[in-house]
């Protein structure tokens, strides 16, 4: 009641000030200082002093803990950087999956899965950056269709026991458009292999020309490719 009467008595001092018709929910230190200059009752002065002390304590708290707040801010920034880094890594992973760069290490294809087997082999060829070596005693010109997806700068070596004239002619025409393929005869290997960049070896249970026609398995071998190449 005292504060109300004092405000009414001093209302002429607020005539030129803009104010809201609704009650405030917060106030500033400067606002309390201005109000204390208007209200002079004992209760108003007591509350104003307590509020001003609270502001002083709050300011001292922030100043004395500035280093702590700085560390917390640094930790938050570090976490944000880690999250961004993780997001980039996930993006690289998803991009790699979309481009088909990550392959199964083993699997089985059943009779009739001709296109699926063809796609797997073509995708393996696309991962090569420098070279592709194919060892298959029953190669024919169908392997060239699979090799169309490789990078043009990637060299190809075909090892086979049976090199037909048809295959020779097909390779000659392929070389005119898609880069060099080298044919080499070999009689000391039984199984079928694909070696990518002289590092990664895939073993196939069927000739590349017959993939998908009958049940066969394939697997990525965890062995030294150079050791195999030395034996050729």
C-alpha atoms as a PDB file:
ATOM      1  CA  UNK A   1       0.000   0.000   0.000  1.00  0.00           C
ATOM      2  CA  UNK A   2       2.836   2.374   0.870  1.00  0.00           C
ATOM      3  CA  UNK A   3       4.560   1.722  -2.461  1.00  0.00           C
ATOM      4  CA  UNK A   4       1.297   2.257  -4.343  1.00  0.00           C
ATOM      5  CA  UNK A   5       0.654   5.566  -2.626  1.00  0.00           C
ATOM      6  CA  UNK A   6       4.224   6.659  -3.274  1.00  0.00           C
ATOM      7  CA  UNK A   7       3.930   5.731  -6.961  1.00  0.00           C
ATOM      8  CA  UNK A   8       0.670   7.670  -7.293  1.00  0.00           C
ATOM      9  CA  UNK A   9       2.325  10.619  -5.629  1.00  0.00           C
ATOM     10  CA  UNK A  10       5.187  10.481  -8.058  1.00  0.00           C
ATOM     11  CA  UNK A  11       3.176   9.549 -11.164  1.00  0.00           C
ATOM     12  CA  UNK A  12       3.924  12.919 -12.728  1.00  0.00           C
ATOM     13  CA  UNK A  13       7.583  11.785 -13.038  1.00  0.00           C
ATOM     14  CA  UNK A  14       6.527   8.892 -15.337  1.00  0.00           C
ATOM     15  CA  UNK A  15       4.212  10.824 -17.663  1.00  0.00           C
ATOM     16  CA  UNK A  16       6.874  11.172 -20.353  1.00  0.00           C
ATOM     17  CA  UNK A  17       7.965   7.495 -20.122  1.00  0.00           C
ATOM     18  CA  UNK A  18       6.564   4.712 -22.286  1.00  0.00           C
ATOM     19  CA  UNK A  19       5.359   1.726 -20.318  1.00  0.00           C
ATOM     20  CA  UNK A  20       3.436  -1.508 -20.816  1.00  0.00           C
ATOM     21  CA  UNK A  21       0.001  -2.168 -19.380  1.00  0.00           C
ATOM     22  CA  UNK A  22       1.034  -5.735 -18.390  1.00  0.00           C
ATOM     23  CA  UNK A  23       3.109  -6.627 -15.355  1.00  0.00           C
ATOM     24  CA  UNK A  24       6.812  -7.333 -15.972  1.00  0.00           C
ATOM     25  CA  UNK A  25       8.289 -10.803 -15.449  1.00  0.00           C
ATOM     26  CA  UNK A  26      11.949  -9.725 -15.297  1.00  0.00           C
ATOM     27  CA  UNK A  27      13.922  -6.626 -14.432  1.00  0.00           C
ATOM     28  CA  UNK A  28      17.452  -5.383 -14.962  1.00  0.00           C
ATOM     29  CA  UNK A  29      19.944  -4.001 -12.484  1.00  0.00           C
ATOM     30  CA  UNK A  30      19.529  -0.563 -14.033  1.00  0.00           C
ATOM     31  CA  UNK A  31      15.749  -0.858 -13.776  1.00  0.00           C
ATOM     32  CA  UNK A  32      15.972  -1.638 -10.052  1.00  0.00           C
ATOM     33  CA  UNK A  33      18.296   1.346  -9.546  1.00  0.00           C
ATOM     34  CA  UNK A  34      15.829   3.649 -11.323  1.00  0.00           C
ATOM     35  CA  UNK A  35      12.900   2.274  -9.308  1.00  0.00           C
ATOM     36  CA  UNK A  36      14.758   2.695  -6.014  1.00  0.00           C
ATOM     37  CA  UNK A  37      15.275   6.342  -6.862  1.00  0.00           C
ATOM     38  CA  UNK A  38      11.487   6.758  -7.021  1.00  0.00           C
ATOM     39  CA  UNK A  39      10.272   4.539  -4.174  1.00  0.00           C
ATOM     40  CA  UNK A  40      11.380   5.725  -0.724  1.00  0.00           C
ATOM     41  CA  UNK A  41       9.393   3.545   1.660  1.00  0.00           C
ATOM     42  CA  UNK A  42      11.273   1.306   4.088  1.00  0.00           C
ATOM     43  CA  UNK A  43      10.068  -1.879   2.400  1.00  0.00           C
ATOM     44  CA  UNK A  44      10.953  -0.623  -1.086  1.00  0.00           C
ATOM     45  CA  UNK A  45      14.414   0.479   0.003  1.00  0.00           C
ATOM     46  CA  UNK A  46      15.043  -2.847   1.766  1.00  0.00           C
ATOM     47  CA  UNK A  47      13.983  -4.892  -1.271  1.00  0.00           C
ATOM     48  CA  UNK A  48      15.995  -2.660  -3.616  1.00  0.00           C
ATOM     49  CA  UNK A  49      19.134  -3.121  -1.517  1.00  0.00           C
ATOM     50  CA  UNK A  50      18.684  -6.893  -1.456  1.00  0.00           C
ATOM     51  CA  UNK A  51      18.148  -7.016  -5.215  1.00  0.00           C
ATOM     52  CA  UNK A  52      21.201  -4.838  -5.867  1.00  0.00           C
ATOM     53  CA  UNK A  53      23.272  -7.142  -3.631  1.00  0.00           C
ATOM     54  CA  UNK A  54      22.001 -10.114  -5.624  1.00  0.00           C
ATOM     55  CA  UNK A  55      23.176  -8.462  -8.845  1.00  0.00           C
ATOM     56  CA  UNK A  56      26.575  -7.749  -7.293  1.00  0.00           C
ATOM     57  CA  UNK A  57      26.911 -11.352  -6.130  1.00  0.00           C
ATOM     58  CA  UNK A  58      25.890 -12.600  -9.558  1.00  0.00           C
ATOM     59  CA  UNK A  59      28.477 -10.370 -11.254  1.00  0.00           C
ATOM     60  CA  UNK A  60      31.189 -11.552  -8.867  1.00  0.00           C
ATOM     61  CA  UNK A  61      30.213 -15.168  -9.529  1.00  0.00           C
ATOM     62  CA  UNK A  62      30.593 -14.768 -13.283  1.00  0.00           C
ATOM     63  CA  UNK A  63      33.910 -12.933 -12.904  1.00  0.00           C
ATOM     64  CA  UNK A  64      35.396 -15.476 -10.483  1.00  0.00           C
ATOM     65  CA  UNK A  65      34.307 -18.400 -12.659  1.00  0.00           C
ATOM     66  CA  UNK A  66      35.170 -16.891 -16.024  1.00  0.00           C
ATOM     67  CA  UNK A  67      37.926 -19.444 -16.591  1.00  0.00           C
ATOM     68  CA  UNK A  68      35.557 -22.300 -15.804  1.00  0.00           C
ATOM     69  CA  UNK A  69      32.958 -20.970 -18.232  1.00  0.00           C
ATOM     70  CA  UNK A  70      35.681 -20.614 -20.857  1.00  0.00           C
ATOM     71  CA  UNK A  71      36.647 -24.277 -20.385  1.00  0.00           C
ATOM     72  CA  UNK A  72      33.023 -25.362 -20.637  1.00  0.00           C
ATOM     73  CA  UNK A  73      32.666 -23.373 -23.835  1.00  0.00           C
ATOM     74  CA  UNK A  74      35.849 -24.969 -25.213  1.00  0.00           C
ATOM     75  CA  UNK A  75      34.526 -28.434 -24.368  1.00  0.00           C
ATOM     76  CA  UNK A  76      31.261 -27.688 -26.154  1.00  0.00           C
ATOM     77  CA  UNK A  77      33.139 -26.471 -29.233  1.00  0.00           C
ATOM     78  CA  UNK A  78      35.303 -29.607 -29.180  1.00  0.00           C
ATOM     79  CA  UNK A  79      32.203 -31.786 -28.975  1.00  0.00           C
ATOM     80  CA  UNK A  80      30.666 -29.929 -31.897  1.00  0.00           C
ATOM     81  CA  UNK A  81      33.845 -30.492 -33.942  1.00  0.00           C
ATOM     82  CA  UNK A  82      33.809 -34.200 -33.074  1.00  0.00           C
ATOM     83  CA  UNK A  83      30.164 -34.452 -34.087  1.00  0.00           C
ATOM     84  CA  UNK A  84      30.896 -32.694 -37.380  1.00  0.00           C
ATOM     85  CA  UNK A  85      33.878 -34.991 -37.940  1.00  0.00           C
ATOM     86  CA  UNK A  86      31.717 -38.053 -37.227  1.00  0.00           C
ATOM     87  CA  UNK A  87      29.074 -36.750 -39.611  1.00  0.00           C
ATOM     88  CA  UNK A  88      31.714 -36.421 -42.336  1.00  0.00           C
ATOM     89  CA  UNK A  89      32.936 -39.965 -41.699  1.00  0.00           C
ATOM     90  CA  UNK A  90      29.403 -41.300 -41.872  1.00  0.00           C
ATOM     91  CA  UNK A  91      28.858 -39.384 -45.087  1.00  0.00           C
ATOM     92  CA  UNK A  92      31.994 -40.921 -46.591  1.00  0.00           C
ATOM     93  CA  UNK A  93      30.769 -44.351 -45.550  1.00  0.00           C
ATOM     94  CA  UNK A  94      27.320 -43.834 -47.035  1.00  0.00           C
ATOM     95  CA  UNK A  95      28.810 -42.367 -50.222  1.00  0.00           C
ATOM     96  CA  UNK A  96      31.069 -45.386 -50.534  1.00  0.00           C
ATOM     97  CA  UNK A  97      28.090 -47.683 -50.101  1.00  0.00           C
ATOM     98  CA  UNK A  98      26.156 -45.768 -52.745  1.00  0.00           C
ATOM     99  CA  UNK A  99      29.075 -45.984 -55.170  1.00  0.00           C
ATOM    100  CA  UNK A 100      29.351 -49.699 -54.549  1.00  0.00           C
ATOM    101  CA  UNK A 101      32.914 -49.475 -53.282  1.00  0.00           C
ATOM    102  CA  UNK A 102      32.361 -51.809 -50.326  1.00  0.00           C
ATOM    103  CA  UNK A 103      32.061 -55.435 -51.328  1.00  0.00           C
ATOM    104  CA  UNK A 104      31.008 -58.618 -49.591  1.00  0.00           C
ATOM    105  CA  UNK A 105      34.007 -60.738 -48.718  1.00  0.00           C
ATOM    106  CA  UNK A 106      32.250 -63.974 -49.632  1.00  0.00           C
ATOM    107  CA  UNK A 107      28.996 -65.386 -50.888  1.00  0.00           C
ATOM    108  CA  UNK A 108      27.142 -67.914 -52.996  1.00  0.00           C
ATOM    109  CA  UNK A 109      25.249 -67.377 -56.233  1.00  0.00           C
ATOM    110  CA  UNK A 110      22.595 -69.830 -57.278  1.00  0.00           C
ATOM    111  CA  UNK A 111      21.482 -71.056 -60.665  1.00  0.00           C
ATOM    112  CA  UNK A 112      19.744 -68.268 -62.548  1.00  0.00           C
ATOM    113  CA  UNK A 113      21.412 -65.348 -60.747  1.00  0.00           C
ATOM    114  CA  UNK A 114      23.191 -64.363 -63.948  1.00  0.00           C
ATOM    115  CA  UNK A 115      22.703 -60.610 -63.650  1.00  0.00           C
ATOM    116  CA  UNK A 116      23.571 -60.533 -59.927  1.00  0.00           C
ATOM    117  CA  UNK A 117      26.838 -62.362 -60.594  1.00  0.00           C
ATOM    118  CA  UNK A 118      27.588 -60.115 -63.559  1.00  0.00           C
ATOM    119  CA  UNK A 119      26.982 -57.007 -61.454  1.00  0.00           C
ATOM    120  CA  UNK A 120      29.217 -58.250 -58.635  1.00  0.00           C
ATOM    121  CA  UNK A 121      32.137 -58.845 -60.988  1.00  0.00           C
ATOM    122  CA  UNK A 122      31.607 -55.532 -62.791  1.00  0.00           C
ATOM    123  CA  UNK A 123      31.542 -53.693 -59.462  1.00  0.00           C
ATOM    124  CA  UNK A 124      34.773 -55.396 -58.402  1.00  0.00           C
ATOM    125  CA  UNK A 125      36.392 -54.208 -61.628  1.00  0.00           C
ATOM    126  CA  UNK A 126      35.207 -50.637 -60.931  1.00  0.00           C
ATOM    127  CA  UNK A 127      37.114 -50.551 -57.638  1.00  0.00           C
ATOM    128  CA  UNK A 128      40.458 -50.926 -59.428  1.00  0.00           C
ATOM    129  CA  UNK A 129      42.649 -47.817 -59.509  1.00  0.00           C
ATOM    130  CA  UNK A 130      45.683 -49.152 -61.356  1.00  0.00           C
ATOM    131  CA  UNK A 131      45.395 -52.744 -62.543  1.00  0.00           C
ATOM    132  CA  UNK A 132      43.179 -55.802 -62.947  1.00  0.00           C
ATOM    133  CA  UNK A 133      44.539 -59.314 -63.343  1.00  0.00           C
ATOM    134  CA  UNK A 134      42.140 -62.102 -64.315  1.00  0.00           C
ATOM    135  CA  UNK A 135      43.153 -65.745 -64.187  1.00  0.00           C
ATOM    136  CA  UNK A 136      40.621 -68.032 -65.859  1.00  0.00           C
ATOM    137  CA  UNK A 137      41.321 -70.978 -68.160  1.00  0.00           C
ATOM    138  CA  UNK A 138      37.964 -70.637 -69.921  1.00  0.00           C
ATOM    139  CA  UNK A 139      37.789 -66.954 -70.750  1.00  0.00           C
ATOM    140  CA  UNK A 140      35.791 -65.726 -73.706  1.00  0.00           C
ATOM    141  CA  UNK A 141      34.727 -62.314 -74.985  1.00  0.00           C
ATOM    142  CA  UNK A 142      31.967 -61.974 -72.351  1.00  0.00           C
ATOM    143  CA  UNK A 143      34.611 -60.815 -69.864  1.00  0.00           C
ATOM    144  CA  UNK A 144      35.162 -57.719 -71.994  1.00  0.00           C
ATOM    145  CA  UNK A 145      31.580 -56.615 -71.400  1.00  0.00           C
ATOM    146  CA  UNK A 146      32.238 -56.716 -67.659  1.00  0.00           C
ATOM    147  CA  UNK A 147      35.441 -54.733 -68.138  1.00  0.00           C
ATOM    148  CA  UNK A 148      33.656 -51.857 -69.872  1.00  0.00           C
ATOM    149  CA  UNK A 149      32.944 -50.334 -66.436  1.00  0.00           C
ATOM    150  CA  UNK A 150      36.601 -50.084 -65.413  1.00  0.00           C
ATOM    151  CA  UNK A 151      38.520 -46.830 -65.467  1.00  0.00           C
ATOM    152  CA  UNK A 152      40.219 -46.306 -68.818  1.00  0.00           C
ATOM    153  CA  UNK A 153      43.619 -45.779 -67.171  1.00  0.00           C
ATOM    154  CA  UNK A 154      43.448 -49.194 -65.465  1.00  0.00           C
ATOM    155  CA  UNK A 155      45.545 -51.838 -67.184  1.00  0.00           C
ATOM    156  CA  UNK A 156      44.247 -55.393 -67.590  1.00  0.00           C
ATOM    157  CA  UNK A 157      46.083 -58.706 -67.847  1.00  0.00           C
ATOM    158  CA  UNK A 158      44.169 -61.827 -68.869  1.00  0.00           C
ATOM    159  CA  UNK A 159      45.759 -65.173 -68.008  1.00  0.00           C
ATOM    160  CA  UNK A 160      44.219 -68.259 -69.620  1.00  0.00           C
ATOM    161  CA  UNK A 161      45.189 -71.726 -70.784  1.00  0.00           C
ATOM    162  CA  UNK A 162      42.972 -71.446 -73.862  1.00  0.00           C
ATOM    163  CA  UNK A 163      43.335 -68.237 -75.853  1.00  0.00           C
ATOM    164  CA  UNK A 164      41.104 -68.503 -78.911  1.00  0.00           C
ATOM    165  CA  UNK A 165      41.273 -66.424 -82.073  1.00  0.00           C
ATOM    166  CA  UNK A 166      37.822 -65.051 -81.255  1.00  0.00           C
ATOM    167  CA  UNK A 167      39.101 -63.773 -77.927  1.00  0.00           C
ATOM    168  CA  UNK A 168      42.175 -62.261 -79.565  1.00  0.00           C
ATOM    169  CA  UNK A 169      40.051 -60.338 -82.068  1.00  0.00           C
ATOM    170  CA  UNK A 170      37.640 -59.173 -79.397  1.00  0.00           C
ATOM    171  CA  UNK A 171      40.523 -57.911 -77.237  1.00  0.00           C
ATOM    172  CA  UNK A 172      41.984 -56.065 -80.217  1.00  0.00           C
ATOM    173  CA  UNK A 173      38.721 -54.206 -80.817  1.00  0.00           C
ATOM    174  CA  UNK A 174      38.313 -53.520 -77.083  1.00  0.00           C
ATOM    175  CA  UNK A 175      41.783 -51.972 -76.917  1.00  0.00           C
ATOM    176  CA  UNK A 176      40.912 -49.490 -79.650  1.00  0.00           C
ATOM    177  CA  UNK A 177      38.239 -47.923 -77.430  1.00  0.00           C
ATOM    178  CA  UNK A 178      38.753 -48.793 -73.758  1.00  0.00           C
ATOM    179  CA  UNK A 179      42.503 -49.051 -73.193  1.00  0.00           C
ATOM    180  CA  UNK A 180      45.041 -51.847 -73.258  1.00  0.00           C
ATOM    181  CA  UNK A 181      44.371 -55.458 -72.342  1.00  0.00           C
ATOM    182  CA  UNK A 182      47.241 -57.930 -72.388  1.00  0.00           C
ATOM    183  CA  UNK A 183      46.603 -61.601 -73.115  1.00  0.00           C
ATOM    184  CA  UNK A 184      48.961 -64.148 -71.574  1.00  0.00           C
ATOM    185  CA  UNK A 185      48.825 -67.908 -71.789  1.00  0.00           C
ATOM    186  CA  UNK A 186      49.312 -69.905 -68.589  1.00  0.00           C
ATOM    187  CA  UNK A 187      48.989 -73.627 -67.905  1.00  0.00           C
ATOM    188  CA  UNK A 188      49.899 -73.934 -64.215  1.00  0.00           C
ATOM    189  CA  UNK A 189      46.712 -72.564 -62.573  1.00  0.00           C
ATOM    190  CA  UNK A 190      43.449 -74.452 -62.060  1.00  0.00           C
ATOM    191  CA  UNK A 191      41.193 -72.035 -60.144  1.00  0.00           C
ATOM    192  CA  UNK A 192      39.808 -68.656 -61.123  1.00  0.00           C
ATOM    193  CA  UNK A 193      41.117 -65.423 -59.574  1.00  0.00           C
ATOM    194  CA  UNK A 194      40.614 -61.673 -59.895  1.00  0.00           C
ATOM    195  CA  UNK A 195      43.446 -59.535 -58.509  1.00  0.00           C
ATOM    196  CA  UNK A 196      42.780 -55.829 -58.007  1.00  0.00           C
ATOM    197  CA  UNK A 197      45.718 -53.380 -57.922  1.00  0.00           C
ATOM    198  CA  UNK A 198      48.057 -56.298 -57.137  1.00  0.00           C
ATOM    199  CA  UNK A 199      46.706 -56.255 -53.578  1.00  0.00           C
ATOM    200  CA  UNK A 200      43.183 -57.671 -53.322  1.00  0.00           C
ATOM    201  CA  UNK A 201      42.432 -61.248 -54.435  1.00  0.00           C
ATOM    202  CA  UNK A 202      39.008 -62.696 -55.189  1.00  0.00           C
ATOM    203  CA  UNK A 203      38.607 -66.426 -55.737  1.00  0.00           C
ATOM    204  CA  UNK A 204      35.778 -67.731 -57.936  1.00  0.00           C
ATOM    205  CA  UNK A 205      34.456 -71.246 -58.100  1.00  0.00           C
ATOM    206  CA  UNK A 206      33.223 -70.839 -61.665  1.00  0.00           C
ATOM    207  CA  UNK A 207      34.607 -69.379 -64.854  1.00  0.00           C
ATOM    208  CA  UNK A 208      33.572 -65.772 -65.386  1.00  0.00           C
ATOM    209  CA  UNK A 209      31.681 -66.726 -68.540  1.00  0.00           C
ATOM    210  CA  UNK A 210      29.542 -69.199 -66.559  1.00  0.00           C
ATOM    211  CA  UNK A 211      28.763 -67.123 -63.469  1.00  0.00           C
ATOM    212  CA  UNK A 212      25.110 -67.427 -62.565  1.00  0.00           C
ATOM    213  CA  UNK A 213      24.455 -70.429 -64.771  1.00  0.00           C
ATOM    214  CA  UNK A 214      25.177 -72.889 -61.958  1.00  0.00           C
ATOM    215  CA  UNK A 215      25.693 -72.664 -58.206  1.00  0.00           C
ATOM    216  CA  UNK A 216      29.107 -71.242 -57.351  1.00  0.00           C
ATOM    217  CA  UNK A 217      30.840 -69.463 -54.488  1.00  0.00           C
ATOM    218  CA  UNK A 218      33.256 -66.573 -54.337  1.00  0.00           C
ATOM    219  CA  UNK A 219      35.466 -65.208 -51.563  1.00  0.00           C
ATOM    220  CA  UNK A 220      37.936 -62.436 -50.886  1.00  0.00           C
ATOM    221  CA  UNK A 221      41.239 -63.981 -49.836  1.00  0.00           C
ATOM    222  CA  UNK A 222      43.288 -62.528 -47.014  1.00  0.00           C
ATOM    223  CA  UNK A 223      46.656 -63.465 -48.511  1.00  0.00           C
ATOM    224  CA  UNK A 224      49.568 -61.660 -50.132  1.00  0.00           C
ATOM    225  CA  UNK A 225      48.752 -61.029 -53.794  1.00  0.00           C
ATOM    226  CA  UNK A 226      52.403 -60.597 -54.744  1.00  0.00           C
ATOM    227  CA  UNK A 227      53.174 -64.124 -53.522  1.00  0.00           C
ATOM    228  CA  UNK A 228      50.580 -65.524 -55.939  1.00  0.00           C
ATOM    229  CA  UNK A 229      51.789 -63.350 -58.819  1.00  0.00           C
ATOM    230  CA  UNK A 230      55.364 -64.558 -58.363  1.00  0.00           C
ATOM    231  CA  UNK A 231      54.194 -68.112 -58.991  1.00  0.00           C
ATOM    232  CA  UNK A 232      52.574 -67.294 -62.324  1.00  0.00           C
END
